[in-house]
Amino acid sequence: MNHPTLPEVYLARHGETAWAISGQHTGLTDIHLTPKGEHNAKNLGERLHGLEFSRIFTSPLQRANRTCELAGFGGRSRRDPDLVEWNYGDYEGKKTAEIRAINPGWQLFDDGCPGGESVADVAARADRVIAHLREIEGRALLFGHGHFFRVLAARWLGRPAGDGRFYLLGTASLSVLGYEHNTDEPVIRLWNDDRHVKD
């Protein structure tokens, strides 16, 4: 049953970057979008066209902020430092296979990153964002990052942050968090929708 009067949170992951293509962990490195990433950010804006948002927030990192601008929401957005991507510390710029060569069995959502953030650190940021979002009436729109949004979704549902491992999220994808019958029943209304993304 659809309840349009209940608040909704739209999650827009940033467009493609060179490191997204190569599979390198991109935390606080302030990397640009690729031309394809910019194109799909504009497509994301077309997808969101006509929707009204009470508040719009973006990560301060340029790949998210640029996606917000290209989607047509730059003039209304506010940067929120809690929306930055996971700080990968010593693993910044490395691929999973490279990390596991030096740390066999490593799992981001279990182990976090040496020299960076633990799972608990990222969960605490997600919980702060959620507390703020639950005070907003209507729709909110967030531009941010894959791993952080995966933790945010898990915490939205009241699940451990590590459950974020189950929520795969592509570049320039759109997801929606919301509620079923009332605000005591949080749900994922839409996840990893990339029908607007072009190869």
Protein backbone atom coordinates (compact mmCIF):
# COMPACT_ATOMS: atom_id res chain seq x y z
CA MET A 1 0.00 0.00 0.00
CA ASN A 2 1.42 3.37 -0.98
CA HIS A 3 1.39 6.19 1.58
CA PRO A 4 2.59 9.32 -0.27
CA THR A 5 2.26 11.49 2.84
CA LEU A 6 5.03 9.59 4.64
CA PRO A 7 8.53 11.07 4.31
CA GLU A 8 10.91 9.60 1.74
CA VAL A 9 14.68 9.83 1.35
CA TYR A 10 16.11 9.63 -2.17
CA LEU A 11 19.72 8.44 -2.42
CA ALA A 12 21.61 9.43 -5.56
CA ARG A 13 25.02 7.84 -5.86
CA HIS A 14 27.59 9.91 -7.74
CA GLY A 15 28.40 9.23 -11.38
CA GLU A 16 31.22 7.10 -12.70
CA THR A 17 34.87 7.90 -11.92
CA ALA A 18 38.09 6.38 -13.23
CA TRP A 19 38.61 4.54 -9.95
CA ALA A 20 35.05 3.18 -10.04
CA ILE A 21 35.96 1.61 -13.38
CA SER A 22 39.24 0.17 -12.09
CA GLY A 23 37.75 -1.05 -8.80
CA GLN A 24 40.02 1.05 -6.59
CA HIS A 25 38.70 2.06 -3.19
CA THR A 26 37.88 5.76 -3.44
CA GLY A 27 37.29 7.29 -0.05
CA LEU A 28 38.45 10.84 0.56
CA THR A 29 40.46 11.15 -2.67
CA ASP A 30 38.67 14.00 -4.44
CA ILE A 31 38.42 12.48 -7.90
CA HIS A 32 36.56 13.85 -10.95
CA LEU A 33 33.68 12.23 -12.81
CA THR A 34 34.42 10.66 -16.18
CA PRO A 35 32.58 12.04 -19.24
CA LYS A 36 30.21 9.07 -18.94
CA GLY A 37 29.78 9.89 -15.26
CA GLU A 38 28.82 13.47 -16.13
CA HIS A 39 26.39 12.26 -18.81
CA ASN A 40 24.66 9.89 -16.38
CA ALA A 41 24.49 12.58 -13.70
CA LYS A 42 22.45 14.64 -16.18
CA ASN A 43 20.29 11.58 -16.89
CA LEU A 44 19.74 11.23 -13.15
CA GLY A 45 18.48 14.82 -13.12
CA GLU A 46 16.00 13.99 -15.86
CA ARG A 47 14.86 11.01 -13.84
CA LEU A 48 14.22 13.25 -10.83
CA HIS A 49 12.56 16.00 -12.87
CA GLY A 50 9.21 17.08 -11.49
CA LEU A 51 9.78 15.75 -7.96
CA GLU A 52 9.68 18.25 -5.10
CA PHE A 53 12.23 17.97 -2.31
CA SER A 54 12.03 19.64 1.10
CA ARG A 55 15.80 19.42 1.63
CA ILE A 56 18.77 18.48 -0.55
CA PHE A 57 22.15 17.46 0.83
CA THR A 58 25.41 16.47 -0.82
CA SER A 59 28.74 15.08 0.24
CA PRO A 60 31.39 17.80 0.00
CA LEU A 61 33.52 15.57 -2.26
CA GLN A 62 33.49 16.80 -5.83
CA ARG A 63 32.25 13.58 -7.47
CA ALA A 64 29.03 13.82 -5.42
CA ASN A 65 28.78 17.60 -5.52
CA ARG A 66 29.30 17.65 -9.30
CA THR A 67 26.64 14.96 -9.74
CA CYS A 68 24.28 17.15 -7.73
CA GLU A 69 25.07 20.17 -9.92
CA LEU A 70 24.69 18.29 -13.21
CA ALA A 71 21.40 16.79 -12.01
CA GLY A 72 20.13 20.35 -11.56
CA PHE A 73 20.08 20.63 -7.76
CA GLY A 74 23.33 22.47 -7.03
CA GLY A 75 21.68 25.77 -6.22
CA ARG A 76 19.47 24.26 -3.52
CA SER A 77 21.84 21.75 -1.91
CA ARG A 78 23.71 21.96 1.35
CA ARG A 79 26.98 20.14 1.91
CA ASP A 80 26.98 17.70 4.81
CA PRO A 81 30.39 16.38 5.92
CA ASP A 82 28.72 13.27 7.37
CA LEU A 83 27.87 12.17 3.80
CA VAL A 84 31.49 11.64 2.73
CA GLU A 85 32.55 8.18 1.64
CA TRP A 86 34.16 5.65 4.01
CA ASN A 87 37.69 6.70 4.93
CA TYR A 88 39.70 3.73 3.67
CA GLY A 89 42.93 4.89 5.31
CA ASP A 90 45.81 2.60 4.33
CA TYR A 91 43.61 0.94 1.71
CA GLU A 92 42.80 4.13 -0.21
CA GLY A 93 43.32 3.60 -3.94
CA LYS A 94 43.78 -0.15 -3.59
CA LYS A 95 41.67 -2.89 -5.18
CA THR A 96 40.13 -5.63 -3.03
CA ALA A 97 42.50 -8.24 -4.47
CA GLU A 98 45.51 -6.08 -3.53
CA ILE A 99 44.21 -5.65 0.00
CA ARG A 100 43.58 -9.36 0.45
CA ALA A 101 47.08 -10.13 -0.77
CA ILE A 102 48.39 -8.40 2.35
CA ASN A 103 45.39 -9.07 4.60
CA PRO A 104 43.79 -12.40 3.60
CA GLY A 105 40.09 -12.68 4.38
CA TRP A 106 39.62 -8.94 4.75
CA GLN A 107 35.99 -7.79 4.55
CA LEU A 108 35.23 -4.07 4.58
CA PHE A 109 31.90 -4.48 6.36
CA ASP A 110 33.50 -6.57 9.12
CA ASP A 111 36.98 -5.16 9.47
CA GLY A 112 36.92 -1.51 8.43
CA CYS A 113 40.23 0.02 7.37
CA PRO A 114 43.51 0.49 9.23
CA GLY A 115 44.41 4.15 9.36
CA GLY A 116 40.84 4.97 8.35
CA GLU A 117 37.34 4.35 9.68
CA SER A 118 35.99 1.32 11.47
CA VAL A 119 32.53 -0.06 10.75
CA ALA A 120 31.36 1.58 13.99
CA ASP A 121 32.75 4.96 12.86
CA VAL A 122 30.75 4.86 9.62
CA ALA A 123 27.66 3.60 11.44
CA ALA A 124 27.86 6.57 13.83
CA ARG A 125 27.90 8.98 10.89
CA ALA A 126 24.97 7.18 9.28
CA ASP A 127 23.00 7.34 12.53
CA ARG A 128 23.57 11.11 12.74
CA VAL A 129 22.32 11.53 9.17
CA ILE A 130 19.25 9.39 9.88
CA ALA A 131 18.39 11.32 13.05
CA HIS A 132 18.44 14.52 11.01
CA LEU A 133 16.45 13.02 8.12
CA ARG A 134 13.70 11.77 10.43
CA GLU A 135 13.00 15.37 11.45
CA ILE A 136 12.29 16.40 7.83
CA GLU A 137 8.80 16.32 6.40
CA GLY A 138 8.34 15.42 2.75
CA ARG A 139 11.10 14.20 0.46
CA ALA A 140 14.81 14.62 1.07
CA LEU A 141 17.45 14.08 -1.62
CA LEU A 142 21.02 13.03 -0.82
CA PHE A 143 23.97 12.90 -3.22
CA GLY A 144 26.72 10.65 -1.95
CA HIS A 145 28.71 7.46 -2.14
CA GLY A 146 28.25 3.72 -2.51
CA HIS A 147 29.66 2.21 0.66
CA PHE A 148 28.35 4.97 2.90
CA PHE A 149 24.85 4.69 1.41
CA ARG A 150 24.94 0.91 1.92
CA VAL A 151 25.62 1.43 5.64
CA LEU A 152 22.96 4.16 5.73
CA ALA A 153 20.37 1.76 4.31
CA ALA A 154 21.22 -0.94 6.85
CA ARG A 155 20.98 1.50 9.75
CA TRP A 156 17.73 2.99 8.34
CA LEU A 157 16.23 -0.47 8.74
CA GLY A 158 17.66 -0.84 12.26
CA ARG A 159 20.10 -3.50 11.07
CA PRO A 160 23.82 -3.77 11.91
CA ALA A 161 26.00 -1.60 9.70
CA GLY A 162 27.73 -4.71 8.41
CA ASP A 163 24.51 -5.72 6.65
CA GLY A 164 25.36 -3.01 4.14
CA ARG A 165 27.37 -5.73 2.36
CA PHE A 166 24.08 -7.05 0.95
CA TYR A 167 23.04 -3.82 -0.81
CA LEU A 168 25.03 -3.49 -4.02
CA LEU A 169 24.94 0.03 -5.44
CA GLY A 170 26.03 1.17 -8.91
CA THR A 171 27.21 4.61 -10.00
CA ALA A 172 24.51 7.20 -10.76
CA SER A 173 21.89 4.83 -9.33
CA LEU A 174 18.79 5.96 -7.49
CA SER A 175 17.39 4.43 -4.31
CA VAL A 176 14.55 5.43 -1.99
CA LEU A 177 14.22 4.86 1.75
CA GLY A 178 10.82 5.29 3.33
CA TYR A 179 8.17 3.68 5.48
CA GLU A 180 5.32 1.21 5.05
CA HIS A 181 2.34 2.02 7.27
CA ASN A 182 3.91 4.56 9.64
CA THR A 183 7.27 5.95 10.70
CA ASP A 184 7.85 2.97 13.02
CA GLU A 185 8.12 0.73 9.95
CA PRO A 186 11.14 1.82 7.88
CA VAL A 187 11.59 0.09 4.51
CA ILE A 188 13.60 0.27 1.32
CA ARG A 189 11.12 1.42 -1.32
CA LEU A 190 13.55 1.30 -4.26
CA TRP A 191 17.15 0.13 -4.54
CA ASN A 192 19.95 0.50 -7.09
CA ASP A 193 17.65 1.63 -9.89
CA ASP A 194 19.84 2.45 -12.88
CA ARG A 195 17.37 2.39 -15.78
CA HIS A 196 18.45 5.95 -16.64
CA VAL A 197 22.16 5.04 -16.77
CA LYS A 198 23.62 4.74 -20.27
CA ASP A 199 26.74 2.76 -21.21
